[in-house]
PDB file of N, CA and C in Angstrom:
ATOM      1  N   MET A   1      63.671 131.762 173.364  1.00  0.00           N
ATOM      2  CA  MET A   1      63.363 130.379 173.011  1.00  0.00           C
ATOM      3  C   MET A   1      63.912 130.100 171.618  1.00  0.00           C
ATOM      4  N   THR A   2      64.314 128.886 171.401  1.00  0.00           N
ATOM      5  CA  THR A   2      64.852 128.480 170.111  1.00  0.00           C
ATOM      6  C   THR A   2      64.382 127.072 169.773  1.00  0.00           C
ATOM      7  N   PHE A   3      64.562 126.718 168.543  1.00  0.00           N
ATOM      8  CA  PHE A   3      64.320 125.340 168.132  1.00  0.00           C
ATOM      9  C   PHE A   3      65.660 124.636 168.085  1.00  0.00           C
ATOM     10  N   VAL A   4      65.637 123.315 168.254  1.00  0.00           N
ATOM     11  CA  VAL A   4      66.850 122.520 168.380  1.00  0.00           C
ATOM     12  C   VAL A   4      66.733 121.282 167.500  1.00  0.00           C
ATOM     13  N   VAL A   5      67.807 120.985 166.778  1.00  0.00           N
ATOM     14  CA  VAL A   5      67.869 119.758 165.987  1.00  0.00           C
ATOM     15  C   VAL A   5      68.424 118.666 166.896  1.00  0.00           C
ATOM     16  N   THR A   6      67.774 117.510 166.883  1.00  0.00           N
ATOM     17  CA  THR A   6      68.151 116.431 167.793  1.00  0.00           C
ATOM     18  C   THR A   6      68.644 115.193 167.040  1.00  0.00           C
ATOM     19  N   ASP A   7      68.851 114.164 167.797  1.00  0.00           N
ATOM     20  CA  ASP A   7      69.464 112.896 167.396  1.00  0.00           C
ATOM     21  C   ASP A   7      69.031 112.330 166.042  1.00  0.00           C
ATOM     22  N   ASN A   8      67.759 112.351 165.714  1.00  0.00           N
ATOM     23  CA  ASN A   8      67.323 111.646 164.516  1.00  0.00           C
ATOM     24  C   ASN A   8      67.800 112.296 163.214  1.00  0.00           C
ATOM     25  N   CYS A   9      68.322 113.506 163.272  1.00  0.00           N
ATOM     26  CA  CYS A   9      68.870 114.138 162.069  1.00  0.00           C
ATOM     27  C   CYS A   9      70.197 113.497 161.655  1.00  0.00           C
ATOM     28  N   ILE A  10      70.921 112.968 162.629  1.00  0.00           N
ATOM     29  CA  ILE A  10      72.242 112.390 162.359  1.00  0.00           C
ATOM     30  C   ILE A  10      72.121 111.250 161.351  1.00  0.00           C
ATOM     31  N   LYS A  11      72.957 111.299 160.332  1.00  0.00           N
ATOM     32  CA  LYS A  11      73.030 110.338 159.235  1.00  0.00           C
ATOM     33  C   LYS A  11      71.807 110.380 158.307  1.00  0.00           C
ATOM     34  N   CYS A  12      70.951 111.360 158.490  1.00  0.00           N
ATOM     35  CA  CYS A  12      69.828 111.584 157.569  1.00  0.00           C
ATOM     36  C   CYS A  12      70.055 112.917 156.847  1.00  0.00           C
ATOM     37  N   LYS A  13      70.154 113.977 157.646  1.00  0.00           N
ATOM     38  CA  LYS A  13      70.403 115.346 157.177  1.00  0.00           C
ATOM     39  C   LYS A  13      69.471 115.759 156.045  1.00  0.00           C
ATOM     40  N   TYR A  14      68.182 115.593 156.276  1.00  0.00           N
ATOM     41  CA  TYR A  14      67.196 116.155 155.358  1.00  0.00           C
ATOM     42  C   TYR A  14      67.314 117.674 155.482  1.00  0.00           C
ATOM     43  N   THR A  15      67.135 118.389 154.418  1.00  0.00           N
ATOM     44  CA  THR A  15      67.293 119.846 154.483  1.00  0.00           C
ATOM     45  C   THR A  15      66.010 120.590 154.131  1.00  0.00           C
ATOM     46  N   ASP A  16      64.879 119.932 154.215  1.00  0.00           N
ATOM     47  CA  ASP A  16      63.595 120.582 153.954  1.00  0.00           C
ATOM     48  C   ASP A  16      63.403 121.793 154.873  1.00  0.00           C
ATOM     49  N   CYS A  17      63.886 121.684 156.089  1.00  0.00           N
ATOM     50  CA  CYS A  17      63.763 122.737 157.093  1.00  0.00           C
ATOM     51  C   CYS A  17      64.489 124.015 156.688  1.00  0.00           C
ATOM     52  N   VAL A  18      65.598 123.858 156.019  1.00  0.00           N
ATOM     53  CA  VAL A  18      66.431 124.991 155.619  1.00  0.00           C
ATOM     54  C   VAL A  18      65.671 125.932 154.687  1.00  0.00           C
ATOM     55  N   GLU A  19      64.907 125.357 153.775  1.00  0.00           N
ATOM     56  CA  GLU A  19      64.173 126.155 152.782  1.00  0.00           C
ATOM     57  C   GLU A  19      63.147 127.099 153.387  1.00  0.00           C
ATOM     58  N   VAL A  20      62.555 126.724 154.493  1.00  0.00           N
ATOM     59  CA  VAL A  20      61.485 127.535 155.068  1.00  0.00           C
ATOM     60  C   VAL A  20      61.965 128.515 156.133  1.00  0.00           C
ATOM     61  N   CYS A  21      63.210 128.439 156.519  1.00  0.00           N
ATOM     62  CA  CYS A  21      63.738 129.306 157.583  1.00  0.00           C
ATOM     63  C   CYS A  21      63.878 130.745 157.074  1.00  0.00           C
ATOM     64  N   PRO A  22      63.152 131.686 157.671  1.00  0.00           N
ATOM     65  CA  PRO A  22      63.214 133.069 157.199  1.00  0.00           C
ATOM     66  C   PRO A  22      64.478 133.824 157.612  1.00  0.00           C
ATOM     67  N   VAL A  23      65.247 133.266 158.548  1.00  0.00           N
ATOM     68  CA  VAL A  23      66.439 133.967 159.023  1.00  0.00           C
ATOM     69  C   VAL A  23      67.743 133.189 158.775  1.00  0.00           C
ATOM     70  N   ASP A  24      67.675 132.104 158.024  1.00  0.00           N
ATOM     71  CA  ASP A  24      68.868 131.326 157.672  1.00  0.00           C
ATOM     72  C   ASP A  24      69.714 130.957 158.889  1.00  0.00           C
ATOM     73  N   CYS A  25      69.091 130.327 159.868  1.00  0.00           N
ATOM     74  CA  CYS A  25      69.817 129.997 161.101  1.00  0.00           C
ATOM     75  C   CYS A  25      70.292 128.551 161.169  1.00  0.00           C
ATOM     76  N   PHE A  26      70.264 127.836 160.029  1.00  0.00           N
ATOM     77  CA  PHE A  26      70.747 126.455 160.013  1.00  0.00           C
ATOM     78  C   PHE A  26      72.216 126.405 159.600  1.00  0.00           C
ATOM     79  N   TYR A  27      72.930 125.468 160.218  1.00  0.00           N
ATOM     80  CA  TYR A  27      74.342 125.265 159.924  1.00  0.00           C
ATOM     81  C   TYR A  27      74.548 123.786 159.649  1.00  0.00           C
ATOM     82  N   GLU A  28      75.476 123.493 158.735  1.00  0.00           N
ATOM     83  CA  GLU A  28      75.616 122.140 158.205  1.00  0.00           C
ATOM     84  C   GLU A  28      76.963 121.514 158.524  1.00  0.00           C
ATOM     85  N   GLY A  29      76.886 120.324 159.113  1.00  0.00           N
ATOM     86  CA  GLY A  29      78.066 119.512 159.325  1.00  0.00           C
ATOM     87  C   GLY A  29      78.058 118.356 158.346  1.00  0.00           C
ATOM     88  N   PRO A  30      79.012 117.448 158.451  1.00  0.00           N
ATOM     89  CA  PRO A  30      79.095 116.324 157.523  1.00  0.00           C
ATOM     90  C   PRO A  30      77.840 115.449 157.475  1.00  0.00           C
ATOM     91  N   ASN A  31      77.213 115.218 158.639  1.00  0.00           N
ATOM     92  CA  ASN A  31      76.037 114.337 158.635  1.00  0.00           C
ATOM     93  C   ASN A  31      74.937 114.785 159.603  1.00  0.00           C
ATOM     94  N   PHE A  32      74.868 116.094 159.840  1.00  0.00           N
ATOM     95  CA  PHE A  32      73.924 116.633 160.829  1.00  0.00           C
ATOM     96  C   PHE A  32      73.734 118.119 160.573  1.00  0.00           C
ATOM     97  N   LEU A  33      72.568 118.632 160.882  1.00  0.00           N
ATOM     98  CA  LEU A  33      72.291 120.063 160.828  1.00  0.00           C
ATOM     99  C   LEU A  33      72.082 120.566 162.251  1.00  0.00           C
ATOM    100  N   VAL A  34      72.367 121.843 162.473  1.00  0.00           N
ATOM    101  CA  VAL A  34      72.077 122.463 163.766  1.00  0.00           C
ATOM    102  C   VAL A  34      71.433 123.824 163.531  1.00  0.00           C
ATOM    103  N   ILE A  35      70.795 124.337 164.563  1.00  0.00           N
ATOM    104  CA  ILE A  35      70.180 125.656 164.549  1.00  0.00           C
ATOM    105  C   ILE A  35      70.957 126.559 165.491  1.00  0.00           C
ATOM    106  N   HIS A  36      71.320 127.743 165.007  1.00  0.00           N
ATOM    107  CA  HIS A  36      72.028 128.709 165.856  1.00  0.00           C
ATOM    108  C   HIS A  36      71.000 129.338 166.808  1.00  0.00           C
ATOM    109  N   PRO A  37      71.168 129.140 168.112  1.00  0.00           N
ATOM    110  CA  PRO A  37      70.161 129.615 169.065  1.00  0.00           C
ATOM    111  C   PRO A  37      70.016 131.138 169.116  1.00  0.00           C
ATOM    112  N   ASP A  38      71.062 131.865 168.801  1.00  0.00           N
ATOM    113  CA  ASP A  38      70.989 133.325 168.835  1.00  0.00           C
ATOM    114  C   ASP A  38      70.358 133.909 167.583  1.00  0.00           C
ATOM    115  N   GLU A  39      70.218 133.095 166.554  1.00  0.00           N
ATOM    116  CA  GLU A  39      69.638 133.566 165.297  1.00  0.00           C
ATOM    117  C   GLU A  39      68.192 133.103 165.116  1.00  0.00           C
ATOM    118  N   CYS A  40      67.827 132.014 165.731  1.00  0.00           N
ATOM    119  CA  CYS A  40      66.472 131.466 165.610  1.00  0.00           C
ATOM    120  C   CYS A  40      65.466 132.451 166.202  1.00  0.00           C
ATOM    121  N   ILE A  41      64.394 132.709 165.452  1.00  0.00           N
ATOM    122  CA  ILE A  41      63.367 133.643 165.922  1.00  0.00           C
ATOM    123  C   ILE A  41      62.132 132.910 166.438  1.00  0.00           C
ATOM    124  N   ASP A  42      62.235 131.614 166.613  1.00  0.00           N
ATOM    125  CA  ASP A  42      61.156 130.814 167.200  1.00  0.00           C
ATOM    126  C   ASP A  42      59.873 130.892 166.372  1.00  0.00           C
ATOM    127  N   CYS A  43      60.027 130.877 165.057  1.00  0.00           N
ATOM    128  CA  CYS A  43      58.856 130.999 164.177  1.00  0.00           C
ATOM    129  C   CYS A  43      58.117 129.672 163.998  1.00  0.00           C
ATOM    130  N   ALA A  44      58.783 128.558 164.280  1.00  0.00           N
ATOM    131  CA  ALA A  44      58.206 127.214 164.222  1.00  0.00           C
ATOM    132  C   ALA A  44      57.950 126.695 162.810  1.00  0.00           C
ATOM    133  N   LEU A  45      58.447 127.371 161.799  1.00  0.00           N
ATOM    134  CA  LEU A  45      58.228 126.905 160.425  1.00  0.00           C
ATOM    135  C   LEU A  45      59.016 125.639 160.106  1.00  0.00           C
ATOM    136  N   CYS A  46      60.167 125.463 160.714  1.00  0.00           N
ATOM    137  CA  CYS A  46      61.032 124.323 160.401  1.00  0.00           C
ATOM    138  C   CYS A  46      60.525 123.001 160.967  1.00  0.00           C
ATOM    139  N   GLU A  47      59.945 123.057 162.127  1.00  0.00           N
ATOM    140  CA  GLU A  47      59.559 121.829 162.837  1.00  0.00           C
ATOM    141  C   GLU A  47      58.679 120.894 162.002  1.00  0.00           C
ATOM    142  N   PRO A  48      57.592 121.366 161.403  1.00  0.00           N
ATOM    143  CA  PRO A  48      56.755 120.439 160.625  1.00  0.00           C
ATOM    144  C   PRO A  48      57.369 120.018 159.295  1.00  0.00           C
ATOM    145  N   GLU A  49      58.405 120.701 158.848  1.00  0.00           N
ATOM    146  CA  GLU A  49      59.044 120.373 157.572  1.00  0.00           C
ATOM    147  C   GLU A  49      60.049 119.235 157.679  1.00  0.00           C
ATOM    148  N   CYS A  50      60.464 118.894 158.878  1.00  0.00           N
ATOM    149  CA  CYS A  50      61.496 117.873 159.078  1.00  0.00           C
ATOM    150  C   CYS A  50      60.918 116.472 158.885  1.00  0.00           C
ATOM    151  N   PRO A  51      61.316 115.771 157.796  1.00  0.00           N
ATOM    152  CA  PRO A  51      60.812 114.409 157.569  1.00  0.00           C
ATOM    153  C   PRO A  51      61.202 113.434 158.681  1.00  0.00           C
ATOM    154  N   ALA A  52      62.312 113.723 159.362  1.00  0.00           N
ATOM    155  CA  ALA A  52      62.792 112.836 160.427  1.00  0.00           C
ATOM    156  C   ALA A  52      62.216 113.200 161.797  1.00  0.00           C
ATOM    157  N   GLN A  53      61.422 114.244 161.852  1.00  0.00           N
ATOM    158  CA  GLN A  53      60.861 114.718 163.114  1.00  0.00           C
ATOM    159  C   GLN A  53      61.944 114.888 164.176  1.00  0.00           C
ATOM    160  N   ALA A  54      63.023 115.569 163.770  1.00  0.00           N
ATOM    161  CA  ALA A  54      64.176 115.744 164.645  1.00  0.00           C
ATOM    162  C   ALA A  54      64.275 117.148 165.236  1.00  0.00           C
ATOM    163  N   ILE A  55      63.330 118.032 164.914  1.00  0.00           N
ATOM    164  CA  ILE A  55      63.387 119.410 165.396  1.00  0.00           C
ATOM    165  C   ILE A  55      62.314 119.624 166.452  1.00  0.00           C
ATOM    166  N   PHE A  56      62.749 120.202 167.580  1.00  0.00           N
ATOM    167  CA  PHE A  56      61.842 120.457 168.692  1.00  0.00           C
ATOM    168  C   PHE A  56      62.075 121.846 169.256  1.00  0.00           C
ATOM    169  N   SER A  57      61.028 122.426 169.797  1.00  0.00           N
ATOM    170  CA  SER A  57      61.177 123.652 170.559  1.00  0.00           C
ATOM    171  C   SER A  57      62.030 123.316 171.779  1.00  0.00           C
ATOM    172  N   GLU A  58      62.853 124.256 172.172  1.00  0.00           N
ATOM    173  CA  GLU A  58      63.765 124.040 173.294  1.00  0.00           C
ATOM    174  C   GLU A  58      63.031 123.555 174.552  1.00  0.00           C
ATOM    175  N   ASP A  59      61.828 124.026 174.761  1.00  0.00           N
ATOM    176  CA  ASP A  59      61.096 123.630 175.956  1.00  0.00           C
ATOM    177  C   ASP A  59      60.276 122.349 175.773  1.00  0.00           C
ATOM    178  N   GLU A  60      60.395 121.712 174.603  1.00  0.00           N
ATOM    179  CA  GLU A  60      59.666 120.466 174.351  1.00  0.00           C
ATOM    180  C   GLU A  60      60.577 119.325 173.901  1.00  0.00           C
ATOM    181  N   ILE A  61      61.854 119.462 174.163  1.00  0.00           N
ATOM    182  CA  ILE A  61      62.805 118.428 173.772  1.00  0.00           C
ATOM    183  C   ILE A  61      62.513 117.142 174.543  1.00  0.00           C
ATOM    184  N   PRO A  62      62.492 116.013 173.845  1.00  0.00           N
ATOM    185  CA  PRO A  62      62.251 114.744 174.534  1.00  0.00           C
ATOM    186  C   PRO A  62      63.293 114.468 175.624  1.00  0.00           C
ATOM    187  N   ALA A  63      62.887 113.802 176.639  1.00  0.00           N
ATOM    188  CA  ALA A  63      63.785 113.430 177.739  1.00  0.00           C
ATOM    189  C   ALA A  63      64.996 112.690 177.189  1.00  0.00           C
ATOM    190  N   GLY A  64      66.150 113.042 177.696  1.00  0.00           N
ATOM    191  CA  GLY A  64      67.388 112.419 177.265  1.00  0.00           C
ATOM    192  C   GLY A  64      68.060 113.115 176.090  1.00  0.00           C
ATOM    193  N   MET A  65      67.402 114.115 175.521  1.00  0.00           N
ATOM    194  CA  MET A  65      67.967 114.836 174.367  1.00  0.00           C
ATOM    195  C   MET A  65      68.394 116.261 174.735  1.00  0.00           C
ATOM    196  N   GLU A  66      68.369 116.598 175.996  1.00  0.00           N
ATOM    197  CA  GLU A  66      68.692 117.950 176.436  1.00  0.00           C
ATOM    198  C   GLU A  66      70.097 118.390 176.030  1.00  0.00           C
ATOM    199  N   ASN A  67      71.014 117.440 175.887  1.00  0.00           N
ATOM    200  CA  ASN A  67      72.387 117.770 175.494  1.00  0.00           C
ATOM    201  C   ASN A  67      72.457 118.386 174.096  1.00  0.00           C
ATOM    202  N   PHE A  68      71.403 118.208 173.303  1.00  0.00           N
ATOM    203  CA  PHE A  68      71.403 118.762 171.953  1.00  0.00           C
ATOM    204  C   PHE A  68      71.224 120.281 171.953  1.00  0.00           C
ATOM    205  N   ILE A  69      70.726 120.853 173.034  1.00  0.00           N
ATOM    206  CA  ILE A  69      70.629 122.311 173.133  1.00  0.00           C
ATOM    207  C   ILE A  69      72.034 122.901 173.056  1.00  0.00           C
ATOM    208  N   GLU A  70      72.916 122.408 173.900  1.00  0.00           N
ATOM    209  CA  GLU A  70      74.306 122.880 173.922  1.00  0.00           C
ATOM    210  C   GLU A  70      75.054 122.488 172.648  1.00  0.00           C
ATOM    211  N   LEU A  71      74.790 121.294 172.143  1.00  0.00           N
ATOM    212  CA  LEU A  71      75.463 120.821 170.935  1.00  0.00           C
ATOM    213  C   LEU A  71      75.124 121.702 169.733  1.00  0.00           C
ATOM    214  N   ASN A  72      73.857 122.082 169.585  1.00  0.00           N
ATOM    215  CA  ASN A  72      73.466 122.979 168.493  1.00  0.00           C
ATOM    216  C   ASN A  72      74.216 124.302 168.604  1.00  0.00           C
ATOM    217  N   ALA A  73      74.252 124.868 169.796  1.00  0.00           N
ATOM    218  CA  ALA A  73      74.936 126.150 170.010  1.00  0.00           C
ATOM    219  C   ALA A  73      76.431 126.045 169.694  1.00  0.00           C
ATOM    220  N   GLU A  74      77.051 124.979 170.137  1.00  0.00           N
ATOM    221  CA  GLU A  74      78.490 124.781 169.911  1.00  0.00           C
ATOM    222  C   GLU A  74      78.820 124.626 168.427  1.00  0.00           C
ATOM    223  N   LEU A  75      78.104 123.742 167.745  1.00  0.00           N
ATOM    224  CA  LEU A  75      78.429 123.446 166.350  1.00  0.00           C
ATOM    225  C   LEU A  75      78.021 124.568 165.390  1.00  0.00           C
ATOM    226  N   ALA A  76      76.997 125.335 165.742  1.00  0.00           N
ATOM    227  CA  ALA A  76      76.580 126.457 164.893  1.00  0.00           C
ATOM    228  C   ALA A  76      77.663 127.528 164.815  1.00  0.00           C
ATOM    229  N   GLU A  77      78.545 127.552 165.791  1.00  0.00           N
ATOM    230  CA  GLU A  77      79.641 128.526 165.797  1.00  0.00           C
ATOM    231  C   GLU A  77      80.793 128.125 164.872  1.00  0.00           C
ATOM    232  N   ILE A  78      80.854 126.844 164.503  1.00  0.00           N
ATOM    233  CA  ILE A  78      81.998 126.405 163.698  1.00  0.00           C
ATOM    234  C   ILE A  78      81.626 125.854 162.323  1.00  0.00           C
ATOM    235  N   TRP A  79      80.385 125.442 162.143  1.00  0.00           N
ATOM    236  CA  TRP A  79      79.967 124.900 160.851  1.00  0.00           C
ATOM    237  C   TRP A  79      79.461 126.003 159.935  1.00  0.00           C
ATOM    238  N   PRO A  80      79.510 125.780 158.615  1.00  0.00           N
ATOM    239  CA  PRO A  80      79.026 126.796 157.672  1.00  0.00           C
ATOM    240  C   PRO A  80      77.500 126.867 157.610  1.00  0.00           C
ATOM    241  N   ASN A  81      77.016 128.041 157.301  1.00  0.00           N
ATOM    242  CA  ASN A  81      75.580 128.283 157.146  1.00  0.00           C
ATOM    243  C   ASN A  81      75.074 127.561 155.903  1.00  0.00           C
ATOM    244  N   ILE A  82      73.859 127.062 155.965  1.00  0.00           N
ATOM    245  CA  ILE A  82      73.218 126.418 154.811  1.00  0.00           C
ATOM    246  C   ILE A  82      71.883 127.125 154.589  1.00  0.00           C
ATOM    247  N   THR A  83      71.620 127.493 153.337  1.00  0.00           N
ATOM    248  CA  THR A  83      70.403 128.259 153.037  1.00  0.00           C
ATOM    249  C   THR A  83      69.553 127.630 151.941  1.00  0.00           C
ATOM    250  N   GLU A  84      70.046 126.557 151.334  1.00  0.00           N
ATOM    251  CA  GLU A  84      69.294 125.913 150.259  1.00  0.00           C
ATOM    252  C   GLU A  84      69.183 124.413 150.503  1.00  0.00           C
ATOM    253  N   LYS A  85      68.074 123.861 150.060  1.00  0.00           N
ATOM    254  CA  LYS A  85      67.818 122.425 150.195  1.00  0.00           C
ATOM    255  C   LYS A  85      68.820 121.625 149.368  1.00  0.00           C
ATOM    256  N   LYS A  86      69.267 120.528 149.934  1.00  0.00           N
ATOM    257  CA  LYS A  86      70.156 119.575 149.271  1.00  0.00           C
ATOM    258  C   LYS A  86      69.530 118.190 149.391  1.00  0.00           C
ATOM    259  N   ASP A  87      70.071 117.241 148.666  1.00  0.00           N
ATOM    260  CA  ASP A  87      69.616 115.860 148.813  1.00  0.00           C
ATOM    261  C   ASP A  87      69.989 115.339 150.191  1.00  0.00           C
ATOM    262  N   GLU A  88      69.130 114.498 150.745  1.00  0.00           N
ATOM    263  CA  GLU A  88      69.456 113.870 152.018  1.00  0.00           C
ATOM    264  C   GLU A  88      70.642 112.930 151.815  1.00  0.00           C
ATOM    265  N   LEU A  89      71.201 112.450 152.907  1.00  0.00           N
ATOM    266  CA  LEU A  89      72.320 111.518 152.826  1.00  0.00           C
ATOM    267  C   LEU A  89      71.843 110.190 152.247  1.00  0.00           C
ATOM    268  N   PRO A  90      72.719 109.462 151.559  1.00  0.00           N
ATOM    269  CA  PRO A  90      72.323 108.198 150.940  1.00  0.00           C
ATOM    270  C   PRO A  90      71.737 107.183 151.921  1.00  0.00           C
ATOM    271  N   GLU A  91      72.191 107.221 153.155  1.00  0.00           N
ATOM    272  CA  GLU A  91      71.725 106.258 154.160  1.00  0.00           C
ATOM    273  C   GLU A  91      70.541 106.778 154.978  1.00  0.00           C
ATOM    274  N   ALA A  92      69.941 107.882 154.578  1.00  0.00           N
ATOM    275  CA  ALA A  92      68.874 108.517 155.359  1.00  0.00           C
ATOM    276  C   ALA A  92      67.720 107.570 155.674  1.00  0.00           C
ATOM    277  N   LYS A  93      67.206 106.887 154.685  1.00  0.00           N
ATOM    278  CA  LYS A  93      66.056 106.007 154.931  1.00  0.00           C
ATOM    279  C   LYS A  93      66.414 104.864 155.884  1.00  0.00           C
ATOM    280  N   GLU A  94      67.627 104.368 155.766  1.00  0.00           N
ATOM    281  CA  GLU A  94      68.092 103.280 156.632  1.00  0.00           C
ATOM    282  C   GLU A  94      68.213 103.726 158.094  1.00  0.00           C
ATOM    283  N   PHE A  95      68.675 104.965 158.307  1.00  0.00           N
ATOM    284  CA  PHE A  95      68.936 105.436 159.665  1.00  0.00           C
ATOM    285  C   PHE A  95      67.799 106.239 160.286  1.00  0.00           C
ATOM    286  N   ASP A  96      66.823 106.651 159.501  1.00  0.00           N
ATOM    287  CA  ASP A  96      65.705 107.421 160.035  1.00  0.00           C
ATOM    288  C   ASP A  96      64.953 106.586 161.064  1.00  0.00           C
ATOM    289  N   GLY A  97      64.894 107.080 162.290  1.00  0.00           N
ATOM    290  CA  GLY A  97      64.207 106.370 163.361  1.00  0.00           C
ATOM    291  C   GLY A  97      65.106 105.504 164.225  1.00  0.00           C
ATOM    292  N   THR A  98      66.366 105.365 163.850  1.00  0.00           N
ATOM    293  CA  THR A  98      67.309 104.597 164.656  1.00  0.00           C
ATOM    294  C   THR A  98      67.637 105.377 165.930  1.00  0.00           C
ATOM    295  N   PRO A  99      67.439 104.809 167.094  1.00  0.00           N
ATOM    296  CA  PRO A  99      67.744 105.531 168.330  1.00  0.00           C
ATOM    297  C   PRO A  99      69.241 105.564 168.622  1.00  0.00           C
ATOM    298  N   GLY A 100      69.652 106.541 169.417  1.00  0.00           N
ATOM    299  CA  GLY A 100      71.030 106.609 169.886  1.00  0.00           C
ATOM    300  C   GLY A 100      72.064 106.894 168.818  1.00  0.00           C
ATOM    301  N   LYS A 101      71.752 107.786 167.904  1.00  0.00           N
ATOM    302  CA  LYS A 101      72.669 108.044 166.782  1.00  0.00           C
ATOM    303  C   LYS A 101      73.790 109.030 167.106  1.00  0.00           C
ATOM    304  N   ILE A 102      73.845 109.555 168.304  1.00  0.00           N
ATOM    305  CA  ILE A 102      74.899 110.514 168.672  1.00  0.00           C
ATOM    306  C   ILE A 102      76.288 109.920 168.414  1.00  0.00           C
ATOM    307  N   GLN A 103      76.408 108.608 168.526  1.00  0.00           N
ATOM    308  CA  GLN A 103      77.704 107.944 168.287  1.00  0.00           C
ATOM    309  C   GLN A 103      78.181 108.115 166.856  1.00  0.00           C
ATOM    310  N   TYR A 104      77.273 108.420 165.937  1.00  0.00           N
ATOM    311  CA  TYR A 104      77.627 108.571 164.518  1.00  0.00           C
ATOM    312  C   TYR A 104      77.895 110.020 164.119  1.00  0.00           C
ATOM    313  N   LEU A 105      77.735 110.948 165.050  1.00  0.00           N
ATOM    314  CA  LEU A 105      77.924 112.362 164.731  1.00  0.00           C
ATOM    315  C   LEU A 105      79.351 112.632 164.268  1.00  0.00           C
ATOM    316  N   GLU A 106      79.466 113.216 163.091  1.00  0.00           N
ATOM    317  CA  GLU A 106      80.772 113.626 162.557  1.00  0.00           C
ATOM    318  C   GLU A 106      80.914 115.111 162.748  1.00  0.00           C
ATOM    319  N   ARG A 107      82.012 115.499 163.328  1.00  0.00           N
ATOM    320  CA  ARG A 107      82.264 116.923 163.567  1.00  0.00           C
ATOM    321  C   ARG A 107      83.137 117.458 162.471  1.00  0.00           C
TER     322      ARG A 107
END
């Protein structure tokens, strides 16, 4: 089992979750974070730390967000690891809670 970063992280990229991860399984893209499924130990520490409420256990992903399981796995293989908290994106407050943000994902 793994945790998965979903749609609401896009264009927000809060990194509070990164600080609490004991195994450094987060990877950073231009405007989104992902969790490497093979590195996640299912500790659940990241989920409550996400201000955007964008992290879910793989078996509790909201309907319609299942594609983020594969997306996290794919992007974690090509994006660099992130281990320290950074400032959120400038537009984070504006986009937090906006549905359907997959169209804004920058690879």
